Amino acid sequence: MAEIKSVELKVGLEVHVELATRTKMFTRAPSPAHPDYDDSPPNTLIDPLVLGLPGALPVMNREAVEMSMLVGLALGCEIAEFTKWDRKSYYYPDLPKNYQISQYDLPLCYDGSVYIPLPPTPEEDDEHERHKRIGIIRAHLEEDSGKLLHELPGGHAIDYSVVDFNRAGTPLLEIVTQPDFVNADEVVAFAQFLRNICRFLGVSEGVMQKGHMRFEPNINTIITLDDGHIVKTPIVEIKNLNSFRSLRGAIEYEFKEQPERWKKDGKEMGPGAKSTRGWDDVKLVTLMQREKEDAHDYRYFPDPDLIPVQVSREWKEKVRERLPELPHVRARRYIHDYALHAKEAAALTDEHDVCLFYEETVEAIVQAIPGVLSDRAGRLAANMILQQGAKRANEQAVLVNELGITPGQIAEIVKLREEEKIGSSAADELFGLLCESGGSDGGSALRAESPPADKEDTAQRAVPPMTVEALAEQHNLLQVRDEGQLDAWIDEVLADPANAKTVEDVKGGKTAAIGRLVGGVMKRSGGAADAKAVRERLEEKLGG
């Protein structure tokens, strides 16, 4: 038997996105994908149609159609002028009608493509930009099924399964890509890219632990033997992956395992050879579930209770007007306009609200500092948000825009820093004080102290809010530039016997040693000294 010379990976991806409409796809029962209902107890978001009771007739959710069109447009898809609803027949305990309403041969969105950013290769630096075109075959709208619970709410063990129909009927957009991926990194990059777009458009919360997005890669390998023969292994579809970690793990496992399976069973890709497997997140292996059905097994036929969907040019253009500037487009603009690195731009566009907060901060800096250009303002805003902001957001498990500080206050910190009135450590401390104050809510840290007054006077006089500079002064964060005071601190440091060798080193030409003296002065001043002015005075005194 010929030996394996090389193995190539080929992956297409199916993504199921639960749309965050208030009601379900074909009924006014509340949808668990909407944040108002995501913690509802089992079997409380139901009605006769969800349960498939006789006589209950479906009515299409227009907002779900428009959300799907938004995603399709963002993915470069054509929007069908005419599409219809089909019944996809199969039996599961959590599908009470024994069929799913879906779209078969006429999807709402089709024939699209996007260019996704890819992580750098090991040979490239972190700021190298790479992009890859991913084809989109279709994005069709359907309804979700319910789910089986294998433990009671609260984690109580049971030796049976419970059916929860809350999810049944939730609008579900299925996005199907071309098999354009050649490694797990590309698949994960696309999955993250798509999740970001859906959240940015406001069509999904994108919380994968709650099933808002589920990934199903279709994986096979192309094996080249040393005699030149080419073998294509059967396609394996991995079902219902709800994390990027499991998505990567399943693909990498199949890439390694499929050639070994072929060695044992000799099966190649062909009709009826496709199989469905699940992912064990503990053992990190895929497990056989069933042979995959072909389309004819589902017995598709048009749903007789629903009229077709006809999308006029006016309707499509009205939906197109709702498209915001997408996150990947904004990231490219930030790189070009503000000279940000690719990682910085990606971090700022990862969350819709943070992205808008950043842009408001840039504008606030332009307004606060006369003559500052927008590119400089963009850089300064990014530094504050990604350093002082991100650190505190991670500690508190919130987004930067939820810390309490406002864009205008960040601009005032930046202004004080640019005017050299505060140092970097003071800027960080001031940022924290403003977060604790609750920003524009008028917390105690931002209230100016006022003399005692009688009750009548107090009722008539409101205490004015404290400026950011006044807050810095109150907490002794403003830098001291008084030459007399600086000289006093410097002379104390130079006279300290512990610094004698350092002083001689600087006088002898070892200018790098001056940093230790600067640090000593900053320590004596309690951080109030202007580090730049201290260095300049030390150089003058020591002839550095």
Protein backbone atom coordinates (compact mmCIF):
# COMPACT_ATOMS: atom_id res chain seq x y z
CA MET A 1 0.00 0.00 0.00
CA ALA A 2 1.27 3.43 -0.94
CA GLU A 3 2.38 5.70 1.90
CA ILE A 4 0.85 9.09 2.71
CA LYS A 5 3.00 11.90 1.35
CA SER A 6 0.93 14.91 2.46
CA VAL A 7 -2.47 15.80 3.91
CA GLU A 8 -4.47 18.95 3.18
CA LEU A 9 -7.46 20.17 5.19
CA LYS A 10 -10.68 21.40 3.62
CA VAL A 11 -13.43 22.97 5.74
CA GLY A 12 -16.77 24.61 5.06
CA LEU A 13 -18.76 26.13 7.90
CA GLU A 14 -22.42 26.29 8.81
CA VAL A 15 -23.32 28.86 11.46
CA HIS A 16 -26.70 29.07 13.19
CA VAL A 17 -27.47 32.52 14.60
CA GLU A 18 -30.47 33.03 16.87
CA LEU A 19 -31.93 36.44 15.99
CA ALA A 20 -32.74 38.72 18.93
CA THR A 21 -36.32 39.59 17.99
CA ARG A 22 -38.79 40.05 20.85
CA THR A 23 -41.09 37.36 19.46
CA LYS A 24 -40.57 34.07 17.67
CA MET A 25 -40.39 33.41 13.95
CA PHE A 26 -44.01 32.51 13.26
CA THR A 27 -45.83 33.46 16.46
CA ARG A 28 -45.99 36.28 19.02
CA ALA A 29 -44.70 34.04 21.81
CA PRO A 30 -41.64 35.70 23.43
CA SER A 31 -38.22 34.65 22.13
CA PRO A 32 -35.45 33.48 24.50
CA ALA A 33 -32.85 35.04 22.18
CA HIS A 34 -34.08 38.49 23.24
CA PRO A 35 -32.34 39.76 26.42
CA ASP A 36 -35.69 40.38 28.14
CA TYR A 37 -36.50 36.66 28.10
CA ASP A 38 -33.17 34.81 28.11
CA ASP A 39 -33.51 33.63 31.73
CA SER A 40 -37.10 32.44 31.49
CA PRO A 41 -37.95 29.16 33.28
CA PRO A 42 -38.38 26.10 31.02
CA ASN A 43 -41.58 25.82 28.99
CA THR A 44 -42.84 29.33 29.74
CA LEU A 45 -42.26 30.84 26.26
CA ILE A 46 -44.78 28.65 24.48
CA ASP A 47 -48.19 28.77 22.83
CA PRO A 48 -50.31 26.43 20.68
CA LEU A 49 -48.22 27.07 17.56
CA VAL A 50 -44.90 26.38 19.33
CA LEU A 51 -46.36 23.09 20.58
CA GLY A 52 -47.66 22.15 17.14
CA LEU A 53 -51.28 21.90 18.23
CA PRO A 54 -53.93 21.40 15.53
CA GLY A 55 -55.42 24.57 14.09
CA ALA A 56 -52.53 26.90 15.04
CA LEU A 57 -51.41 28.82 11.95
CA PRO A 58 -48.02 30.55 11.49
CA VAL A 59 -47.54 34.27 10.67
CA MET A 60 -44.12 35.50 9.52
CA ASN A 61 -42.03 37.83 11.72
CA ARG A 62 -41.06 40.77 9.48
CA GLU A 63 -38.27 41.99 11.78
CA ALA A 64 -36.58 38.59 11.61
CA VAL A 65 -36.58 38.83 7.80
CA GLU A 66 -35.07 42.32 7.94
CA MET A 67 -32.40 41.24 10.43
CA SER A 68 -31.48 38.40 8.08
CA MET A 69 -31.27 40.82 5.18
CA LEU A 70 -28.95 43.05 7.23
CA VAL A 71 -26.57 40.13 7.84
CA GLY A 72 -26.78 39.10 4.20
CA LEU A 73 -25.90 42.62 3.03
CA ALA A 74 -23.02 42.80 5.50
CA LEU A 75 -21.69 39.53 4.02
CA GLY A 76 -21.92 40.83 0.46
CA CYS A 77 -24.88 38.61 -0.44
CA GLU A 78 -27.55 39.07 -3.05
CA ILE A 79 -31.02 39.44 -1.55
CA ALA A 80 -33.62 37.27 -3.26
CA GLU A 81 -36.58 39.07 -4.78
CA PHE A 82 -38.69 35.96 -4.26
CA THR A 83 -38.32 33.24 -1.65
CA LYS A 84 -40.63 30.80 0.07
CA TRP A 85 -41.01 28.71 3.19
CA ASP A 86 -40.49 24.94 3.11
CA ARG A 87 -41.25 22.13 5.51
CA LYS A 88 -38.19 20.05 6.43
CA SER A 89 -39.54 16.81 7.89
CA TYR A 90 -37.72 14.91 10.61
CA TYR A 91 -38.50 13.67 14.10
CA TYR A 92 -36.85 14.70 17.34
CA PRO A 93 -38.46 14.84 20.80
CA ASP A 94 -37.87 18.62 20.90
CA LEU A 95 -39.54 19.27 17.51
CA PRO A 96 -43.26 18.94 18.30
CA LYS A 97 -44.56 19.50 14.74
CA ASN A 98 -42.25 16.77 13.36
CA TYR A 99 -41.11 19.30 10.75
CA GLN A 100 -39.11 22.50 10.75
CA ILE A 101 -40.14 25.54 8.72
CA SER A 102 -37.07 26.48 6.71
CA GLN A 103 -35.96 27.61 3.24
CA TYR A 104 -34.72 24.97 0.83
CA ASP A 105 -34.06 25.92 -2.79
CA LEU A 106 -34.74 29.68 -2.61
CA PRO A 107 -32.81 31.18 0.33
CA LEU A 108 -33.32 34.79 1.34
CA CYS A 109 -29.58 35.65 0.94
CA TYR A 110 -27.15 34.00 -1.45
CA ASP A 111 -23.88 34.30 -3.41
CA GLY A 112 -21.86 36.55 -1.10
CA SER A 113 -18.26 36.93 0.01
CA VAL A 114 -16.21 38.74 2.64
CA TYR A 115 -12.53 39.36 3.28
CA ILE A 116 -11.64 38.38 6.83
CA PRO A 117 -8.53 39.48 8.74
CA LEU A 118 -6.23 36.57 9.59
CA PRO A 119 -3.76 36.27 12.46
CA PRO A 120 -0.08 36.61 11.50
CA THR A 121 1.92 33.48 10.76
CA PRO A 122 4.82 32.57 13.07
CA GLU A 123 7.19 34.18 10.57
CA GLU A 124 5.28 37.49 10.62
CA ASP A 125 5.13 40.17 13.30
CA ASP A 126 1.93 40.89 15.20
CA GLU A 127 1.12 43.97 13.14
CA HIS A 128 1.27 42.27 9.74
CA GLU A 129 -2.14 42.39 8.04
CA ARG A 130 -3.42 39.39 6.10
CA HIS A 131 -6.87 38.92 4.64
CA LYS A 132 -8.64 36.04 2.94
CA ARG A 133 -11.76 35.89 0.81
CA ILE A 134 -14.45 33.55 2.13
CA GLY A 135 -17.38 32.73 -0.14
CA ILE A 136 -20.90 32.68 1.28
CA ILE A 137 -23.16 30.15 -0.43
CA ARG A 138 -26.38 31.14 1.31
CA ALA A 139 -27.98 32.55 4.45
CA HIS A 140 -31.48 31.22 4.94
CA LEU A 141 -34.06 31.80 7.64
CA GLU A 142 -35.74 29.08 9.64
CA GLU A 143 -37.04 28.29 13.13
CA ASP A 144 -35.03 26.72 15.93
CA SER A 145 -36.02 23.53 17.72
CA GLY A 146 -36.43 23.06 21.46
CA LYS A 147 -33.79 21.32 23.53
CA LEU A 148 -33.43 18.33 25.80
CA LEU A 149 -32.36 18.96 29.40
CA HIS A 150 -30.43 16.19 31.11
CA GLU A 151 -30.51 17.88 34.52
CA LEU A 152 -33.12 19.97 36.29
CA PRO A 153 -32.78 23.77 36.62
CA GLY A 154 -30.22 24.51 39.30
CA GLY A 155 -28.08 21.53 38.27
CA HIS A 156 -30.08 18.85 40.06
CA ALA A 157 -29.33 15.38 38.70
CA ILE A 158 -32.05 13.29 37.03
CA ASP A 159 -32.00 9.85 35.38
CA TYR A 160 -34.23 10.94 32.50
CA SER A 161 -34.45 13.84 30.02
CA VAL A 162 -36.80 16.82 30.09
CA VAL A 163 -37.97 18.62 26.96
CA ASP A 164 -37.84 22.44 27.10
CA PHE A 165 -39.79 24.07 24.26
CA ASN A 166 -38.74 27.66 25.08
CA ARG A 167 -36.27 27.75 22.19
CA ALA A 168 -38.66 26.12 19.70
CA GLY A 169 -39.71 28.60 17.04
CA THR A 170 -36.91 31.13 17.71
CA PRO A 171 -35.80 32.85 14.47
CA LEU A 172 -32.65 31.11 13.28
CA LEU A 173 -30.40 32.34 10.48
CA GLU A 174 -28.24 29.60 8.97
CA ILE A 175 -25.15 30.91 7.17
CA VAL A 176 -23.31 28.46 4.91
CA THR A 177 -19.82 29.18 3.58
CA GLN A 178 -17.87 27.74 0.70
CA PRO A 179 -15.25 25.16 1.77
CA ASP A 180 -12.58 27.86 1.60
CA PHE A 181 -10.82 27.22 4.92
CA VAL A 182 -7.53 25.32 4.99
CA ASN A 183 -6.77 25.39 8.73
CA ALA A 184 -8.49 25.86 12.08
CA ASP A 185 -7.08 29.39 12.52
CA GLU A 186 -9.00 30.59 9.47
CA VAL A 187 -12.26 29.02 10.63
CA VAL A 188 -11.99 30.56 14.09
CA ALA A 189 -11.09 33.94 12.56
CA PHE A 190 -14.24 33.83 10.42
CA ALA A 191 -16.39 32.72 13.37
CA GLN A 192 -15.11 35.64 15.47
CA PHE A 193 -15.57 37.99 12.51
CA LEU A 194 -19.18 36.87 12.00
CA ARG A 195 -20.03 37.08 15.71
CA ASN A 196 -18.67 40.63 15.81
CA ILE A 197 -20.75 41.64 12.78
CA CYS A 198 -23.96 40.14 14.21
CA ARG A 199 -23.47 41.89 17.53
CA PHE A 200 -22.54 45.16 15.81
CA LEU A 201 -25.72 44.99 13.73
CA GLY A 202 -27.75 44.32 16.87
CA VAL A 203 -29.30 41.16 15.41
CA SER A 204 -27.91 38.80 18.06
CA GLU A 205 -26.50 38.98 21.57
CA GLY A 206 -23.90 36.46 20.43
CA VAL A 207 -23.64 34.72 23.83
CA MET A 208 -22.47 31.29 22.71
CA GLN A 209 -22.98 29.66 26.11
CA LYS A 210 -26.69 30.41 25.66
CA GLY A 211 -26.78 28.95 22.16
CA HIS A 212 -27.10 32.29 20.35
CA MET A 213 -24.47 31.10 17.88
CA ARG A 214 -23.67 27.49 17.06
CA PHE A 215 -20.98 26.31 14.65
CA GLU A 216 -21.02 23.18 12.52
CA PRO A 217 -17.84 22.67 10.45
CA ASN A 218 -17.89 20.26 7.51
CA ILE A 219 -14.43 18.72 7.42
CA ASN A 220 -12.54 16.42 5.12
CA THR A 221 -8.95 15.90 4.08
CA ILE A 222 -7.21 15.53 0.74
CA ILE A 223 -4.49 12.89 0.99
CA THR A 224 -1.67 12.70 -1.52
CA LEU A 225 0.05 9.31 -1.64
CA ASP A 226 3.68 8.82 -2.61
CA ASP A 227 2.58 7.15 -5.87
CA GLY A 228 0.73 10.34 -6.88
CA HIS A 229 -2.77 9.03 -6.14
CA ILE A 230 -5.21 11.53 -4.53
CA VAL A 231 -7.68 10.39 -1.87
CA LYS A 232 -10.52 12.54 -0.50
CA THR A 233 -11.85 11.36 2.84
CA PRO A 234 -15.62 11.48 3.56
CA ILE A 235 -17.00 14.76 4.89
CA VAL A 236 -17.63 14.82 8.63
CA GLU A 237 -20.05 17.39 10.07
CA ILE A 238 -19.45 18.28 13.72
CA LYS A 239 -22.71 19.40 15.35
CA ASN A 240 -23.55 22.25 17.70
CA LEU A 241 -20.19 23.66 18.76
CA ASN A 242 -20.74 26.69 20.98
CA SER A 243 -17.23 28.00 21.64
CA PHE A 244 -14.21 28.99 19.60
CA ARG A 245 -12.15 26.55 21.65
CA SER A 246 -14.34 23.57 20.76
CA LEU A 247 -14.51 24.71 17.12
CA ARG A 248 -10.72 24.74 16.89
CA GLY A 249 -10.35 21.49 18.82
CA ALA A 250 -12.82 19.55 16.66
CA ILE A 251 -11.19 20.68 13.40
CA GLU A 252 -7.66 19.91 14.56
CA TYR A 253 -8.76 16.49 15.85
CA GLU A 254 -10.43 15.56 12.54
CA PHE A 255 -7.42 16.79 10.56
CA LYS A 256 -5.26 14.36 12.49
CA GLU A 257 -7.79 11.52 12.68
CA GLN A 258 -9.29 11.30 9.18
CA PRO A 259 -6.15 9.94 7.47
CA GLU A 260 -5.93 7.29 10.21
CA ARG A 261 -9.58 6.31 9.64
CA TRP A 262 -8.93 5.99 5.92
CA LYS A 263 -6.02 3.67 6.59
CA LYS A 264 -8.39 1.42 8.57
CA ASP A 265 -11.61 1.49 6.51
CA GLY A 266 -10.53 2.78 3.08
CA LYS A 267 -13.67 4.93 2.77
CA GLU A 268 -13.54 7.84 0.35
CA MET A 269 -15.88 10.76 -0.27
CA GLY A 270 -18.98 9.85 -2.25
CA PRO A 271 -22.79 9.60 -2.09
CA GLY A 272 -24.01 8.56 1.34
CA ALA A 273 -20.54 8.73 2.87
CA LYS A 274 -21.08 11.89 4.91
CA SER A 275 -21.44 11.41 8.66
CA THR A 276 -22.38 13.50 11.68
CA ARG A 277 -20.25 13.54 14.81
CA GLY A 278 -20.37 15.29 18.18
CA TRP A 279 -17.53 16.84 20.16
CA ASP A 280 -16.54 15.67 23.62
CA ASP A 281 -15.16 18.77 25.35
CA VAL A 282 -13.60 16.69 28.12
CA LYS A 283 -11.92 13.89 26.18
CA LEU A 284 -11.22 16.26 23.24
CA VAL A 285 -12.41 13.75 20.63
CA THR A 286 -15.28 13.56 18.14
CA LEU A 287 -17.89 10.82 18.53
CA MET A 288 -20.00 9.19 15.84
CA GLN A 289 -23.70 10.16 15.93
CA ARG A 290 -25.26 9.05 12.67
CA GLU A 291 -24.85 8.79 8.92
CA LYS A 292 -25.79 12.15 7.45
CA GLU A 293 -29.14 12.46 5.68
CA ASP A 294 -29.27 13.73 2.11
CA ALA A 295 -31.73 16.46 1.09
CA HIS A 296 -34.31 14.01 -0.27
CA ASP A 297 -34.48 12.30 3.15
CA TYR A 298 -36.10 15.43 4.60
CA ARG A 299 -38.97 15.40 2.07
CA TYR A 300 -38.94 19.18 1.54
CA PHE A 301 -42.12 20.77 0.18
CA PRO A 302 -43.52 24.35 0.29
CA ASP A 303 -45.37 25.19 3.49
CA PRO A 304 -49.06 25.58 2.51
CA ASP A 305 -49.80 27.90 5.47
CA LEU A 306 -47.28 30.64 4.61
CA ILE A 307 -47.21 32.97 1.63
CA PRO A 308 -43.90 33.49 -0.23
CA VAL A 309 -41.69 36.46 0.65
CA GLN A 310 -41.28 39.05 -2.09
CA VAL A 311 -38.58 41.64 -1.47
CA SER A 312 -39.07 44.85 -3.41
CA ARG A 313 -36.19 47.13 -4.34
CA GLU A 314 -37.59 49.78 -2.00
CA TRP A 315 -37.73 47.35 0.93
CA LYS A 316 -34.17 46.17 0.34
CA GLU A 317 -32.82 49.74 0.12
CA LYS A 318 -34.67 50.71 3.28
CA VAL A 319 -32.96 47.85 5.10
CA ARG A 320 -29.60 48.77 3.55
CA GLU A 321 -29.92 52.26 5.07
CA ARG A 322 -29.82 50.62 8.52
CA LEU A 323 -26.33 49.22 7.89
CA PRO A 324 -23.76 50.95 10.11
CA GLU A 325 -20.07 51.18 9.31
CA LEU A 326 -19.04 47.59 10.04
CA PRO A 327 -16.35 46.73 12.61
CA HIS A 328 -13.73 45.49 10.14
CA VAL A 329 -14.23 48.63 8.03
CA ARG A 330 -13.85 50.82 11.12
CA ALA A 331 -10.71 48.91 12.11
CA ARG A 332 -9.12 49.63 8.74
CA ARG A 333 -10.09 53.30 9.12
CA TYR A 334 -8.53 53.48 12.59
CA ILE A 335 -5.30 51.99 11.24
CA HIS A 336 -5.23 54.47 8.35
CA ASP A 337 -6.52 57.62 10.09
CA TYR A 338 -5.10 57.20 13.59
CA ALA A 339 -1.96 55.12 12.88
CA LEU A 340 -3.14 52.39 15.25
CA HIS A 341 -1.70 48.91 15.14
CA ALA A 342 -3.95 46.14 13.83
CA LYS A 343 -4.35 44.61 17.32
CA GLU A 344 -5.34 47.96 18.81
CA ALA A 345 -7.92 48.60 16.09
CA ALA A 346 -9.33 45.10 16.52
CA ALA A 347 -9.64 45.56 20.30
CA LEU A 348 -11.48 48.86 19.88
CA THR A 349 -13.97 47.43 17.38
CA ASP A 350 -14.64 44.17 19.21
CA GLU A 351 -17.61 45.68 21.07
CA HIS A 352 -20.11 48.04 19.46
CA ASP A 353 -20.53 50.29 22.52
CA VAL A 354 -16.79 50.48 23.18
CA CYS A 355 -16.24 51.44 19.55
CA LEU A 356 -18.70 54.34 19.81
CA PHE A 357 -17.22 55.34 23.19
CA TYR A 358 -13.77 55.50 21.57
CA GLU A 359 -15.00 57.71 18.72
CA GLU A 360 -16.72 60.06 21.20
CA THR A 361 -13.46 60.25 23.15
CA VAL A 362 -11.49 61.16 20.01
CA GLU A 363 -13.96 63.97 19.28
CA ALA A 364 -13.84 65.17 22.89
CA ILE A 365 -10.02 65.39 22.76
CA VAL A 366 -10.18 67.39 19.52
CA GLN A 367 -12.58 69.80 21.24
CA ALA A 368 -10.58 70.00 24.49
CA ILE A 369 -7.08 70.60 23.11
CA PRO A 370 -6.74 73.52 20.66
CA GLY A 371 -4.82 72.61 17.54
CA VAL A 372 -4.64 68.86 18.12
CA LEU A 373 -5.17 66.90 14.91
CA SER A 374 -7.58 64.00 14.71
CA ASP A 375 -4.81 61.44 14.12
CA ARG A 376 -3.04 62.53 17.30
CA ALA A 377 -6.36 62.56 19.19
CA GLY A 378 -7.12 59.04 17.96
CA ARG A 379 -3.79 57.79 19.23
CA LEU A 380 -4.18 59.48 22.62
CA ALA A 381 -7.74 58.16 23.06
CA ALA A 382 -6.65 54.62 22.15
CA ASN A 383 -3.83 54.71 24.71
CA MET A 384 -6.17 55.75 27.52
CA ILE A 385 -8.95 53.28 26.66
CA LEU A 386 -6.70 50.29 25.96
CA GLN A 387 -4.42 50.85 28.94
CA GLN A 388 -6.13 52.58 31.87
CA GLY A 389 -9.62 51.63 30.66
CA ALA A 390 -9.06 48.01 29.68
CA LYS A 391 -7.20 47.24 32.92
CA ARG A 392 -10.14 48.36 35.06
CA ALA A 393 -12.75 46.86 32.74
CA ASN A 394 -11.08 43.45 33.06
CA GLU A 395 -10.90 43.76 36.85
CA GLN A 396 -14.61 44.62 37.10
CA ALA A 397 -15.81 42.32 34.27
CA VAL A 398 -17.54 45.19 32.45
CA LEU A 399 -16.98 47.08 29.22
CA VAL A 400 -14.87 50.25 29.23
CA ASN A 401 -17.92 52.40 28.50
CA GLU A 402 -19.58 50.97 31.64
CA LEU A 403 -16.83 52.09 34.05
CA GLY A 404 -18.53 55.41 34.80
CA ILE A 405 -15.93 57.74 33.30
CA THR A 406 -17.08 59.86 30.34
CA PRO A 407 -15.33 60.65 27.03
CA GLY A 408 -15.16 64.30 28.09
CA GLN A 409 -13.39 63.40 31.33
CA ILE A 410 -10.88 61.23 29.49
CA ALA A 411 -10.23 64.21 27.21
CA GLU A 412 -9.55 66.39 30.26
CA ILE A 413 -7.04 63.85 31.60
CA VAL A 414 -5.33 63.79 28.21
CA LYS A 415 -5.24 67.59 28.17
CA LEU A 416 -3.60 67.72 31.62
CA ARG A 417 -1.07 65.14 30.46
CA GLU A 418 -0.30 67.03 27.25
CA GLU A 419 0.17 70.23 29.24
CA GLU A 420 2.56 68.28 31.52
CA LYS A 421 0.45 69.12 34.55
CA ILE A 422 0.25 65.43 35.52
CA GLY A 423 2.50 62.44 34.96
CA SER A 424 1.60 59.00 33.67
CA SER A 425 1.02 57.48 37.13
CA ALA A 426 -1.12 60.46 38.14
CA ALA A 427 -3.14 60.10 34.92
CA ASP A 428 -3.80 56.47 35.80
CA GLU A 429 -4.86 57.33 39.35
CA LEU A 430 -7.07 60.17 38.11
CA PHE A 431 -8.73 57.80 35.62
CA GLY A 432 -9.54 55.45 38.50
CA LEU A 433 -10.98 58.24 40.65
CA LEU A 434 -13.28 59.30 37.83
CA CYS A 435 -14.45 55.71 37.34
CA GLU A 436 -15.27 55.48 41.05
CA SER A 437 -17.14 58.79 40.89
CA GLY A 438 -19.64 57.47 38.36
CA GLY A 439 -18.66 59.99 35.68
CA SER A 440 -21.44 62.40 34.81
CA ASP A 441 -23.66 61.00 37.58
CA GLY A 442 -22.07 63.47 39.98
CA GLY A 443 -20.36 61.12 42.40
CA SER A 444 -18.70 62.38 45.57
CA ALA A 445 -15.23 62.52 44.01
CA LEU A 446 -16.46 65.19 41.62
CA ARG A 447 -18.28 67.42 44.11
CA ALA A 448 -16.49 70.54 45.22
CA GLU A 449 -16.31 71.04 48.97
CA SER A 450 -18.47 73.90 50.22
CA PRO A 451 -18.72 75.66 53.58
CA PRO A 452 -21.52 74.66 55.96
CA ALA A 453 -24.81 76.44 55.40
CA ASP A 454 -28.19 76.54 57.04
CA LYS A 455 -31.00 74.36 55.69
CA GLU A 456 -32.69 77.15 53.73
CA ASP A 457 -29.44 78.17 52.09
CA THR A 458 -28.55 74.53 51.26
CA ALA A 459 -31.93 73.93 49.66
CA GLN A 460 -31.44 76.89 47.34
CA ARG A 461 -27.77 76.35 46.45
CA ALA A 462 -26.50 73.30 44.55
CA VAL A 463 -22.82 72.42 44.95
CA PRO A 464 -21.12 72.87 41.55
CA PRO A 465 -19.39 69.84 40.08
CA MET A 466 -15.64 69.74 40.44
CA THR A 467 -13.48 69.98 37.33
CA VAL A 468 -11.07 67.17 36.50
CA GLU A 469 -8.12 69.48 37.16
CA ALA A 470 -9.56 70.46 40.55
CA LEU A 471 -9.96 66.78 41.38
CA ALA A 472 -6.31 66.22 40.48
CA GLU A 473 -5.30 69.13 42.71
CA GLN A 474 -7.45 67.84 45.60
CA HIS A 475 -5.62 64.50 45.46
CA ASN A 476 -2.14 66.11 45.06
CA LEU A 477 -1.75 64.70 41.56
CA LEU A 478 -0.65 67.90 39.80
CA GLN A 479 3.06 67.97 39.04
CA VAL A 480 5.28 70.47 40.85
CA ARG A 481 7.36 72.56 38.45
CA ASP A 482 8.47 75.16 40.99
CA GLU A 483 12.26 75.32 40.50
CA GLY A 484 12.98 76.06 44.13
CA GLN A 485 11.07 73.04 45.36
CA LEU A 486 12.57 70.82 42.62
CA ASP A 487 16.10 71.95 43.53
CA ALA A 488 15.46 71.15 47.19
CA TRP A 489 14.40 67.57 46.38
CA ILE A 490 17.26 67.13 43.92
CA ASP A 491 19.87 68.41 46.38
CA GLU A 492 18.59 65.98 49.01
CA VAL A 493 18.99 63.07 46.60
CA LEU A 494 22.47 64.16 45.47
CA ALA A 495 23.61 64.58 49.06
CA ASP A 496 22.44 61.11 50.05
CA PRO A 497 25.58 58.88 50.52
CA ALA A 498 23.63 55.95 49.07
CA ASN A 499 23.60 57.77 45.71
CA ALA A 500 27.30 58.72 45.65
CA LYS A 501 28.36 56.04 43.17
CA THR A 502 25.41 56.80 40.89
CA VAL A 503 26.36 60.50 40.90
CA GLU A 504 29.96 59.62 39.97
CA ASP A 505 28.72 57.29 37.21
CA VAL A 506 26.63 60.07 35.65
CA LYS A 507 29.51 62.55 35.90
CA GLY A 508 31.72 59.93 34.29
CA GLY A 509 29.49 59.71 31.23
CA LYS A 510 27.16 56.84 32.17
CA THR A 511 24.06 58.87 31.36
CA ALA A 512 21.70 55.89 31.70
CA ALA A 513 22.39 55.92 35.45
CA ILE A 514 20.57 59.24 35.78
CA GLY A 515 17.29 57.34 35.77
CA ARG A 516 18.00 56.09 39.29
CA LEU A 517 18.42 59.66 40.50
CA VAL A 518 15.21 60.74 38.77
CA GLY A 519 13.44 57.90 40.54
CA GLY A 520 14.84 59.01 43.87
CA VAL A 521 13.55 62.54 43.36
CA MET A 522 10.13 61.28 42.31
CA LYS A 523 10.00 59.16 45.46
CA ARG A 524 10.90 62.10 47.71
CA SER A 525 8.25 64.25 46.01
CA GLY A 526 5.58 61.61 46.41
CA GLY A 527 5.20 61.57 42.64
CA ALA A 528 4.38 65.27 42.51
CA ALA A 529 7.57 66.33 40.70
CA ASP A 530 7.62 66.73 36.92
CA ALA A 531 9.90 63.88 35.85
CA LYS A 532 10.98 65.67 32.68
CA ALA A 533 11.92 68.83 34.58
CA VAL A 534 13.75 66.73 37.18
CA ARG A 535 15.86 65.04 34.50
CA GLU A 536 16.70 68.39 32.89
CA ARG A 537 17.78 69.92 36.24
CA LEU A 538 19.89 66.85 37.10
CA GLU A 539 21.63 67.04 33.73
CA GLU A 540 22.37 70.71 34.31
CA LYS A 541 23.77 70.09 37.80
CA LEU A 542 25.84 67.02 36.89
CA GLY A 543 26.87 68.10 33.42
CA GLY A 544 25.16 65.06 31.84
